[in-house]
């Protein structure tokens, strides 16, 4: 195994933790939406995960854990996706989009 710096190990652990937290959030959203989830295209689900990962970077972990993803409605998912514009592999949302998604997430009650 090649030598890997502690910084690289830290980066990898950060990404794994972020992926797991977002994966859990998407699972809660899917369960909350029930049959409505099937109305989302595969591309939209991928975009949702991607923009949530980018937004996770900007939210304190305790605040993230307090977001009631299990109470999310389809209109909220659509609002989040509306910020997803040209998001895709190698193309992250703009800082304005991340701020908009963050406001939506922190406004869920």
Protein backbone atom coordinates (compact mmCIF):
# COMPACT_ATOMS: atom_id res chain seq x y z
CA UNK A 1 0.00 0.00 0.00
CA UNK A 2 1.46 3.37 -0.94
CA UNK A 3 2.28 5.92 1.73
CA UNK A 4 -0.69 8.13 2.43
CA UNK A 5 -0.36 11.33 4.43
CA UNK A 6 -2.45 11.98 7.51
CA UNK A 7 -3.99 14.94 5.67
CA UNK A 8 -5.14 12.66 2.84
CA UNK A 9 -6.58 10.17 5.33
CA UNK A 10 -8.42 13.05 7.01
CA UNK A 11 -9.85 14.24 3.67
CA UNK A 12 -11.02 10.75 2.81
CA UNK A 13 -12.67 10.30 6.22
CA UNK A 14 -14.40 13.68 5.82
CA UNK A 15 -15.81 12.66 2.43
CA UNK A 16 -16.97 9.28 3.74
CA UNK A 17 -18.69 10.91 6.72
CA UNK A 18 -20.36 13.48 4.45
CA UNK A 19 -21.57 10.77 2.05
CA UNK A 20 -23.03 8.70 4.89
CA UNK A 21 -24.85 11.68 6.43
CA UNK A 22 -26.31 12.71 3.08
CA UNK A 23 -27.22 9.12 2.22
CA UNK A 24 -29.11 8.92 5.51
CA UNK A 25 -30.88 12.22 4.75
CA UNK A 26 -31.92 10.99 1.28
CA UNK A 27 -33.25 7.77 2.85
CA UNK A 28 -35.36 9.79 5.28
CA UNK A 29 -36.64 11.97 2.43
CA UNK A 30 -37.51 8.89 0.36
CA UNK A 31 -39.39 7.36 3.29
CA UNK A 32 -41.18 10.65 3.96
CA UNK A 33 -42.33 11.00 0.35
CA UNK A 34 -43.49 7.40 0.08
CA UNK A 35 -44.99 6.69 -3.36
CA UNK A 36 -44.29 10.28 -4.49
CA UNK A 37 -40.57 9.39 -4.52
CA UNK A 38 -41.17 7.40 -7.72
CA UNK A 39 -42.06 10.64 -9.51
CA UNK A 40 -38.42 11.72 -9.27
CA UNK A 41 -36.15 10.81 -12.16
CA UNK A 42 -32.87 9.06 -11.43
CA UNK A 43 -31.01 12.20 -12.54
CA UNK A 44 -32.99 14.30 -10.05
CA UNK A 45 -32.14 11.90 -7.23
CA UNK A 46 -28.45 12.14 -8.12
CA UNK A 47 -28.66 15.94 -8.22
CA UNK A 48 -30.46 15.96 -4.87
CA UNK A 49 -27.66 13.94 -3.29
CA UNK A 50 -24.99 16.12 -4.88
CA UNK A 51 -26.48 19.44 -3.79
CA UNK A 52 -27.09 18.09 -0.29
CA UNK A 53 -23.42 17.08 -0.06
CA UNK A 54 -22.33 20.55 -1.15
CA UNK A 55 -24.72 22.11 1.36
CA UNK A 56 -23.64 19.74 4.16
CA UNK A 57 -20.21 21.38 3.92
CA UNK A 58 -21.74 24.68 5.09
CA UNK A 59 -23.94 23.50 7.97
CA UNK A 60 -22.76 22.72 11.49
CA UNK A 61 -23.14 18.99 12.21
CA UNK A 62 -25.49 19.53 15.14
CA UNK A 63 -27.73 21.72 12.99
CA UNK A 64 -27.60 19.14 10.16
CA UNK A 65 -28.65 16.37 12.52
CA UNK A 66 -31.60 18.51 13.68
CA UNK A 67 -32.99 19.00 10.15
CA UNK A 68 -36.24 16.98 9.95
CA UNK A 69 -35.56 15.27 6.61
CA UNK A 70 -38.24 12.72 7.53
CA UNK A 71 -40.89 15.46 7.33
CA UNK A 72 -39.91 16.78 3.92
CA UNK A 73 -42.60 17.19 1.26
CA UNK A 74 -42.27 16.97 -2.51
CA UNK A 75 -42.64 20.75 -2.91
CA UNK A 76 -39.56 21.21 -0.71
CA UNK A 77 -37.61 18.65 -2.74
CA UNK A 78 -38.61 20.49 -5.92
CA UNK A 79 -37.44 23.81 -4.43
CA UNK A 80 -34.08 22.24 -3.61
CA UNK A 81 -33.82 20.75 -7.10
CA UNK A 82 -34.64 24.14 -8.63
CA UNK A 83 -31.27 25.31 -7.29
CA UNK A 84 -29.58 22.33 -8.99
CA UNK A 85 -29.38 23.90 -12.46
CA UNK A 86 -26.22 22.67 -14.17
CA UNK A 87 -25.03 20.54 -11.26
CA UNK A 88 -23.29 17.30 -12.07
CA UNK A 89 -20.02 15.45 -11.70
CA UNK A 90 -17.28 18.03 -11.49
CA UNK A 91 -19.77 20.91 -11.50
CA UNK A 92 -20.91 22.05 -8.07
CA UNK A 93 -23.73 24.47 -7.37
CA UNK A 94 -22.88 28.15 -7.03
CA UNK A 95 -22.39 29.65 -3.57
CA UNK A 96 -25.77 31.39 -4.04
CA UNK A 97 -27.44 28.05 -4.78
CA UNK A 98 -25.86 26.45 -1.71
CA UNK A 99 -27.04 29.39 0.41
CA UNK A 100 -30.57 28.99 -1.01
CA UNK A 101 -30.62 25.26 -0.30
CA UNK A 102 -29.25 25.85 3.19
CA UNK A 103 -32.07 28.34 3.88
CA UNK A 104 -34.65 25.80 2.69
CA UNK A 105 -33.20 23.02 4.85
CA UNK A 106 -32.93 25.17 7.96
CA UNK A 107 -36.48 26.39 7.41
CA UNK A 108 -38.06 22.92 7.50
CA UNK A 109 -40.17 22.39 10.60
